[in-house]
N, C-alpha and C. Protein backbone atom coordinates (compact mmCIF):
# COMPACT_ATOMS: atom_id res chain seq x y z
N MET A 1 122.65 84.70 119.30
CA MET A 1 122.99 83.64 120.21
C MET A 1 124.21 84.05 121.01
N LYS A 2 124.13 83.96 122.34
CA LYS A 2 125.21 84.36 123.22
C LYS A 2 125.95 83.14 123.73
N LEU A 3 127.25 83.17 123.63
CA LEU A 3 128.06 82.07 124.15
C LEU A 3 128.62 82.44 125.52
N ASP A 4 128.55 81.50 126.44
CA ASP A 4 129.07 81.74 127.78
C ASP A 4 130.59 81.59 127.86
N THR A 5 131.15 80.74 127.00
CA THR A 5 132.59 80.53 127.06
C THR A 5 133.16 80.69 125.67
N ALA A 6 134.46 80.95 125.65
CA ALA A 6 135.15 81.04 124.34
C ALA A 6 135.52 79.65 123.88
N PRO A 7 135.70 79.45 122.59
CA PRO A 7 136.09 78.15 122.10
C PRO A 7 137.48 77.79 122.61
N VAL A 8 137.70 76.51 122.82
CA VAL A 8 138.99 76.02 123.35
C VAL A 8 139.74 75.35 122.18
N ALA A 9 141.00 75.75 122.03
CA ALA A 9 141.83 75.14 120.99
C ALA A 9 142.81 74.17 121.68
N ILE A 10 142.88 72.95 121.17
CA ILE A 10 143.78 71.98 121.71
C ILE A 10 144.86 71.68 120.66
N SER A 11 146.07 71.82 121.10
CA SER A 11 147.16 71.61 120.17
C SER A 11 148.08 70.48 120.71
N ALA A 12 149.04 70.09 119.89
CA ALA A 12 149.94 69.01 120.27
C ALA A 12 150.78 69.37 121.47
N LYS A 13 151.06 70.66 121.69
CA LYS A 13 151.86 71.04 122.84
C LYS A 13 151.08 70.91 124.15
N ASP A 14 149.74 70.95 124.10
CA ASP A 14 148.93 70.81 125.26
C ASP A 14 148.83 69.37 125.72
N LEU A 15 148.83 68.43 124.78
CA LEU A 15 148.72 66.99 125.09
C LEU A 15 149.93 66.25 124.55
N PRO A 16 150.84 65.81 125.44
CA PRO A 16 152.06 65.18 125.01
C PRO A 16 151.85 63.93 124.16
N GLU A 17 150.77 63.19 124.43
CA GLU A 17 150.53 62.00 123.60
C GLU A 17 150.23 62.33 122.15
N LEU A 18 149.64 63.49 121.92
CA LEU A 18 149.41 63.92 120.54
C LEU A 18 150.71 64.32 119.87
N LYS A 19 151.64 64.87 120.62
CA LYS A 19 152.91 65.32 120.09
C LYS A 19 153.74 64.12 119.60
N GLU A 20 153.73 63.03 120.41
CA GLU A 20 154.48 61.86 120.05
C GLU A 20 153.98 61.21 118.76
N ASN A 21 152.68 61.11 118.64
CA ASN A 21 152.07 60.35 117.54
C ASN A 21 151.50 61.23 116.44
N ASN A 22 151.81 62.51 116.44
CA ASN A 22 151.13 63.39 115.47
C ASN A 22 151.57 63.12 114.04
N LYS A 23 152.69 62.48 113.81
CA LYS A 23 153.13 62.19 112.46
C LYS A 23 152.52 60.91 111.90
N SER A 24 152.39 59.92 112.78
CA SER A 24 151.97 58.62 112.29
C SER A 24 150.44 58.47 112.26
N GLN A 25 149.71 59.02 113.19
CA GLN A 25 148.29 58.83 113.22
C GLN A 25 147.59 60.12 113.51
N ALA A 26 146.42 60.20 113.04
CA ALA A 26 145.60 61.38 113.35
C ALA A 26 144.75 61.02 114.59
N LYS A 27 144.76 61.91 115.56
CA LYS A 27 143.99 61.68 116.79
C LYS A 27 143.01 62.80 116.92
N THR A 28 141.89 62.45 117.52
CA THR A 28 140.90 63.48 117.80
C THR A 28 140.70 63.59 119.30
N ALA A 29 140.43 64.76 119.73
CA ALA A 29 140.18 64.98 121.13
C ALA A 29 138.70 65.19 121.33
N THR A 30 138.17 64.62 122.34
CA THR A 30 136.74 64.82 122.66
C THR A 30 136.65 65.52 123.98
N ILE A 31 135.67 66.34 124.10
CA ILE A 31 135.42 67.07 125.34
C ILE A 31 134.10 66.57 125.85
N GLU A 32 134.16 65.98 127.07
CA GLU A 32 132.92 65.47 127.68
C GLU A 32 132.13 66.64 128.23
N SER A 33 130.83 66.43 128.28
CA SER A 33 129.96 67.50 128.83
C SER A 33 130.26 67.61 130.32
N LEU A 34 130.31 68.84 130.79
CA LEU A 34 130.60 69.12 132.18
C LEU A 34 129.33 69.06 132.99
N GLN A 35 129.39 68.33 134.08
CA GLN A 35 128.25 68.28 134.99
C GLN A 35 128.39 69.47 135.96
N PRO A 36 127.30 70.06 136.39
CA PRO A 36 127.39 71.16 137.32
C PRO A 36 128.03 70.70 138.66
N VAL A 37 128.92 71.50 139.17
CA VAL A 37 129.55 71.14 140.43
C VAL A 37 128.60 71.54 141.56
N ILE A 38 128.29 70.57 142.36
CA ILE A 38 127.42 70.81 143.48
C ILE A 38 128.24 71.00 144.72
N THR A 39 128.20 72.16 145.29
CA THR A 39 128.93 72.42 146.52
C THR A 39 127.95 72.40 147.67
N GLU A 40 128.50 71.90 148.81
CA GLU A 40 127.64 71.88 149.99
C GLU A 40 127.51 73.26 150.54
N SER A 41 126.43 73.47 151.30
CA SER A 41 126.24 74.76 151.93
C SER A 41 127.38 75.02 152.88
N PRO A 42 127.70 76.31 153.13
CA PRO A 42 128.83 76.58 153.99
C PRO A 42 128.68 76.01 155.39
N LYS A 43 127.45 75.87 155.88
CA LYS A 43 127.26 75.32 157.22
C LYS A 43 126.68 73.91 157.05
N LYS A 44 127.41 72.92 157.48
CA LYS A 44 126.96 71.53 157.37
C LYS A 44 125.96 71.25 158.50
N ARG A 45 125.06 70.29 158.22
CA ARG A 45 124.14 69.90 159.26
C ARG A 45 124.88 69.11 160.32
N GLU A 46 124.65 69.44 161.55
CA GLU A 46 125.35 68.78 162.64
C GLU A 46 124.51 67.59 163.11
N SER A 47 125.22 66.65 163.75
CA SER A 47 124.53 65.46 164.24
C SER A 47 123.60 65.84 165.40
N VAL A 48 122.65 64.98 165.64
CA VAL A 48 121.67 65.19 166.72
C VAL A 48 122.38 65.32 168.03
N PHE A 49 123.40 64.49 168.26
CA PHE A 49 124.14 64.52 169.53
C PHE A 49 124.85 65.84 169.74
N VAL A 50 125.46 66.39 168.68
CA VAL A 50 126.16 67.64 168.78
C VAL A 50 125.22 68.78 169.06
N VAL A 51 124.05 68.81 168.37
CA VAL A 51 123.06 69.84 168.64
C VAL A 51 122.52 69.76 170.05
N PHE A 52 122.19 68.54 170.46
CA PHE A 52 121.67 68.34 171.84
C PHE A 52 122.67 68.74 172.90
N SER A 53 123.89 68.25 172.78
CA SER A 53 124.90 68.55 173.81
C SER A 53 125.26 70.03 173.86
N THR A 54 125.35 70.67 172.69
CA THR A 54 125.65 72.12 172.65
C THR A 54 124.49 72.89 173.31
N THR A 55 123.29 72.55 172.98
CA THR A 55 122.13 73.20 173.57
C THR A 55 122.08 73.00 175.08
N PHE A 56 122.32 71.75 175.52
CA PHE A 56 122.25 71.43 176.94
C PHE A 56 123.29 72.24 177.70
N VAL A 57 124.51 72.24 177.25
CA VAL A 57 125.60 72.92 177.99
C VAL A 57 125.34 74.42 178.00
N THR A 58 124.95 74.97 176.86
CA THR A 58 124.68 76.43 176.81
C THR A 58 123.57 76.84 177.75
N ILE A 59 122.46 76.15 177.70
CA ILE A 59 121.34 76.51 178.58
C ILE A 59 121.65 76.21 180.04
N PHE A 60 122.30 75.13 180.30
CA PHE A 60 122.69 74.75 181.67
C PHE A 60 123.55 75.83 182.28
N LEU A 61 124.60 76.26 181.55
CA LEU A 61 125.50 77.32 182.07
C LEU A 61 124.77 78.66 182.23
N ALA A 62 123.88 78.96 181.25
CA ALA A 62 123.17 80.23 181.34
C ALA A 62 122.20 80.28 182.50
N GLU A 63 121.65 79.13 182.88
CA GLU A 63 120.64 79.09 183.92
C GLU A 63 121.19 79.01 185.34
N ILE A 64 122.49 78.64 185.49
CA ILE A 64 123.06 78.51 186.82
C ILE A 64 123.08 79.85 187.52
N GLY A 65 122.42 79.95 188.67
CA GLY A 65 122.46 81.16 189.47
C GLY A 65 121.58 82.28 188.94
N ASP A 66 120.71 82.04 188.00
CA ASP A 66 119.88 83.14 187.51
C ASP A 66 118.64 83.28 188.42
N LYS A 67 117.82 84.22 188.12
CA LYS A 67 116.61 84.50 188.98
C LYS A 67 115.64 83.32 189.00
N THR A 68 115.57 82.57 187.89
CA THR A 68 114.68 81.40 187.87
C THR A 68 115.13 80.35 188.88
N GLN A 69 116.42 80.08 188.92
CA GLN A 69 116.92 79.08 189.87
C GLN A 69 116.78 79.57 191.30
N LEU A 70 117.03 80.84 191.54
CA LEU A 70 116.86 81.39 192.89
C LEU A 70 115.40 81.34 193.35
N SER A 71 114.48 81.64 192.40
CA SER A 71 113.04 81.58 192.71
C SER A 71 112.61 80.14 193.06
N THR A 72 113.14 79.21 192.27
CA THR A 72 112.84 77.80 192.51
C THR A 72 113.35 77.38 193.89
N LEU A 73 114.56 77.84 194.21
CA LEU A 73 115.16 77.48 195.49
C LEU A 73 114.30 78.03 196.66
N LEU A 74 113.87 79.30 196.54
CA LEU A 74 113.03 79.89 197.58
C LEU A 74 111.67 79.20 197.68
N MET A 75 111.06 78.89 196.54
CA MET A 75 109.75 78.21 196.58
C MET A 75 109.88 76.85 197.24
N SER A 76 110.92 76.14 196.94
CA SER A 76 111.13 74.82 197.49
C SER A 76 111.32 74.92 199.01
N ALA A 77 112.08 75.90 199.47
CA ALA A 77 112.26 76.07 200.87
C ALA A 77 111.00 76.46 201.61
N GLU A 78 110.19 77.30 200.99
CA GLU A 78 108.94 77.77 201.64
C GLU A 78 107.86 76.68 201.66
N SER A 79 107.74 75.91 200.57
CA SER A 79 106.64 74.97 200.45
C SER A 79 106.91 73.62 201.14
N HIS A 80 108.16 73.32 201.37
CA HIS A 80 108.55 72.03 201.93
C HIS A 80 108.08 70.87 201.06
N ALA A 81 107.89 71.13 199.77
CA ALA A 81 107.50 70.13 198.79
C ALA A 81 108.40 70.23 197.56
N PRO A 82 109.68 69.80 197.73
CA PRO A 82 110.64 70.04 196.66
C PRO A 82 110.28 69.36 195.35
N TRP A 83 109.66 68.17 195.39
CA TRP A 83 109.33 67.49 194.12
C TRP A 83 108.21 68.17 193.35
N VAL A 84 107.27 68.75 194.10
CA VAL A 84 106.19 69.46 193.45
C VAL A 84 106.73 70.73 192.79
N VAL A 85 107.64 71.42 193.50
CA VAL A 85 108.26 72.64 192.96
C VAL A 85 109.13 72.25 191.76
N PHE A 86 109.82 71.14 191.84
CA PHE A 86 110.63 70.67 190.72
C PHE A 86 109.77 70.42 189.48
N LEU A 87 108.63 69.68 189.66
CA LEU A 87 107.74 69.39 188.55
C LEU A 87 107.14 70.65 187.95
N GLY A 88 106.75 71.62 188.83
CA GLY A 88 106.19 72.86 188.35
C GLY A 88 107.24 73.71 187.58
N SER A 89 108.41 73.79 188.08
CA SER A 89 109.43 74.59 187.39
C SER A 89 109.93 73.91 186.14
N ALA A 90 109.99 72.59 186.14
CA ALA A 90 110.41 71.85 184.95
C ALA A 90 109.38 72.03 183.85
N ALA A 91 108.07 71.96 184.21
CA ALA A 91 107.03 72.15 183.22
C ALA A 91 107.07 73.58 182.68
N ALA A 92 107.34 74.55 183.52
CA ALA A 92 107.44 75.94 183.05
C ALA A 92 108.62 76.14 182.13
N LEU A 93 109.76 75.56 182.46
CA LEU A 93 110.95 75.68 181.61
C LEU A 93 110.77 74.96 180.30
N ILE A 94 110.13 73.81 180.33
CA ILE A 94 109.86 73.08 179.09
C ILE A 94 108.91 73.89 178.19
N SER A 95 107.88 74.50 178.78
CA SER A 95 106.94 75.29 178.02
C SER A 95 107.61 76.51 177.38
N THR A 96 108.43 77.20 178.15
CA THR A 96 109.11 78.37 177.58
C THR A 96 110.10 77.94 176.51
N SER A 97 110.77 76.81 176.72
CA SER A 97 111.69 76.32 175.68
C SER A 97 110.94 75.92 174.42
N LEU A 98 109.81 75.30 174.58
CA LEU A 98 108.97 74.92 173.42
C LEU A 98 108.55 76.16 172.66
N LEU A 99 108.12 77.15 173.38
CA LEU A 99 107.73 78.44 172.75
C LEU A 99 108.92 79.02 171.97
N GLY A 100 110.09 79.01 172.58
CA GLY A 100 111.29 79.51 171.90
C GLY A 100 111.64 78.75 170.64
N VAL A 101 111.53 77.42 170.70
CA VAL A 101 111.84 76.59 169.56
C VAL A 101 110.84 76.80 168.42
N LEU A 102 109.55 76.84 168.78
CA LEU A 102 108.53 77.05 167.77
C LEU A 102 108.64 78.42 167.10
N LEU A 103 108.85 79.48 167.92
CA LEU A 103 109.03 80.81 167.35
C LEU A 103 110.31 80.89 166.52
N GLY A 104 111.38 80.26 166.99
CA GLY A 104 112.63 80.28 166.23
C GLY A 104 112.50 79.53 164.89
N SER A 105 111.77 78.44 164.89
CA SER A 105 111.53 77.71 163.62
C SER A 105 110.71 78.53 162.67
N TRP A 106 109.69 79.18 163.21
CA TRP A 106 108.81 80.00 162.35
C TRP A 106 109.60 81.20 161.77
N ILE A 107 110.40 81.84 162.63
CA ILE A 107 111.19 83.02 162.16
C ILE A 107 112.23 82.57 161.11
N SER A 108 112.91 81.42 161.36
CA SER A 108 113.93 80.99 160.43
C SER A 108 113.38 80.56 159.06
N SER A 109 112.10 80.20 159.03
CA SER A 109 111.49 79.84 157.73
C SER A 109 111.12 81.09 156.92
N ARG A 110 111.06 82.22 157.56
CA ARG A 110 110.66 83.46 156.88
C ARG A 110 111.80 84.46 156.67
N LEU A 111 112.87 84.35 157.46
CA LEU A 111 113.94 85.31 157.35
C LEU A 111 115.27 84.57 157.12
N SER A 112 116.21 85.24 156.53
CA SER A 112 117.52 84.64 156.27
C SER A 112 118.27 84.55 157.61
N PRO A 113 119.20 83.59 157.70
CA PRO A 113 119.99 83.45 158.94
C PRO A 113 120.75 84.72 159.29
N LYS A 114 121.23 85.42 158.29
CA LYS A 114 121.98 86.66 158.51
C LYS A 114 121.07 87.74 159.13
N THR A 115 119.82 87.82 158.67
CA THR A 115 118.88 88.79 159.23
C THR A 115 118.53 88.42 160.67
N VAL A 116 118.34 87.14 160.96
CA VAL A 116 117.99 86.71 162.32
C VAL A 116 119.19 87.02 163.24
N GLU A 117 120.42 86.77 162.77
CA GLU A 117 121.59 87.02 163.57
C GLU A 117 121.73 88.51 163.88
N LYS A 118 121.56 89.35 162.87
CA LYS A 118 121.67 90.79 163.08
C LYS A 118 120.55 91.29 164.00
N SER A 119 119.33 90.78 163.84
CA SER A 119 118.22 91.21 164.66
C SER A 119 118.47 90.82 166.12
N ALA A 120 118.96 89.65 166.32
CA ALA A 120 119.24 89.17 167.71
C ALA A 120 120.33 90.03 168.35
N GLY A 121 121.34 90.39 167.58
CA GLY A 121 122.40 91.23 168.08
C GLY A 121 121.90 92.59 168.45
N VAL A 122 121.03 93.20 167.60
CA VAL A 122 120.46 94.51 167.89
C VAL A 122 119.62 94.43 169.14
N MET A 123 118.76 93.37 169.28
CA MET A 123 117.90 93.24 170.43
C MET A 123 118.72 93.09 171.72
N LEU A 124 119.78 92.29 171.69
CA LEU A 124 120.63 92.11 172.87
C LEU A 124 121.37 93.41 173.20
N LEU A 125 121.79 94.13 172.20
CA LEU A 125 122.45 95.43 172.45
C LEU A 125 121.46 96.42 173.07
N LEU A 126 120.24 96.42 172.58
CA LEU A 126 119.21 97.31 173.14
C LEU A 126 118.91 96.95 174.58
N ILE A 127 118.79 95.65 174.89
CA ILE A 127 118.56 95.22 176.27
C ILE A 127 119.73 95.64 177.15
N SER A 128 120.93 95.47 176.66
CA SER A 128 122.13 95.87 177.44
C SER A 128 122.13 97.35 177.73
N VAL A 129 121.83 98.17 176.75
CA VAL A 129 121.76 99.63 176.95
C VAL A 129 120.67 99.97 177.96
N MET A 130 119.52 99.33 177.86
CA MET A 130 118.42 99.58 178.82
C MET A 130 118.86 99.17 180.25
N LEU A 131 119.51 98.08 180.41
CA LEU A 131 119.96 97.63 181.74
C LEU A 131 121.03 98.59 182.29
N PHE A 132 121.95 99.00 181.41
CA PHE A 132 122.99 99.93 181.81
C PHE A 132 122.35 101.26 182.21
N TRP A 133 121.34 101.75 181.46
CA TRP A 133 120.69 102.98 181.79
C TRP A 133 119.96 102.87 183.15
N ASP A 134 119.38 101.72 183.41
CA ASP A 134 118.70 101.43 184.67
C ASP A 134 119.66 101.52 185.82
N VAL A 135 120.88 100.96 185.66
CA VAL A 135 121.90 100.97 186.70
C VAL A 135 122.31 102.44 186.99
N LEU A 136 122.47 103.24 185.92
CA LEU A 136 122.88 104.63 186.09
C LEU A 136 121.81 105.46 186.82
N GLN A 137 120.54 105.12 186.57
CA GLN A 137 119.43 105.84 187.17
C GLN A 137 119.21 105.48 188.63
N GLY A 138 119.54 104.24 188.99
CA GLY A 138 119.22 103.70 190.31
C GLY A 138 120.26 104.02 191.30
C-alpha cells in the first residue's frame, strides 16, 4: 500500500489552546477530509458583449482600405446601384465569416489551443515570406 502523504504529528506547541489546557483536560484533534481544490482554467470565459465588441473592432479595422472595400467601392461606382452592391458584398462577407467560424470551431474541437496558435503563426509567417519574396522578384 502506497501512501501519498506522510503522517502529520500535532503537538501542544502547534496549537496554543492545547498548550494552555494540556494539564487539566485531554483534547483530541480531528482532521477533516480535504476536498479537492477546483481551480478555474487560466482563461476565463468572456461575456458575449466583450467577444462581440472585440471581434467587431478587430475585423472593422482589418477591413478598412483593403482590396475587398476597394472592390466594393468600384462596383458601386460602376453599377450605380449602391444598395444592391452593399447587399451582395454583405452576403459575401457574412458567408466567408460563417465559413471561418465553422472551420475554427471544428479545428478547436480537435486540436489544442496551443497547437492552433502555433499553426496560425507558422501560416502567417509563411504568407509574409511569400509576399516579401514576391516584392523582391517584382
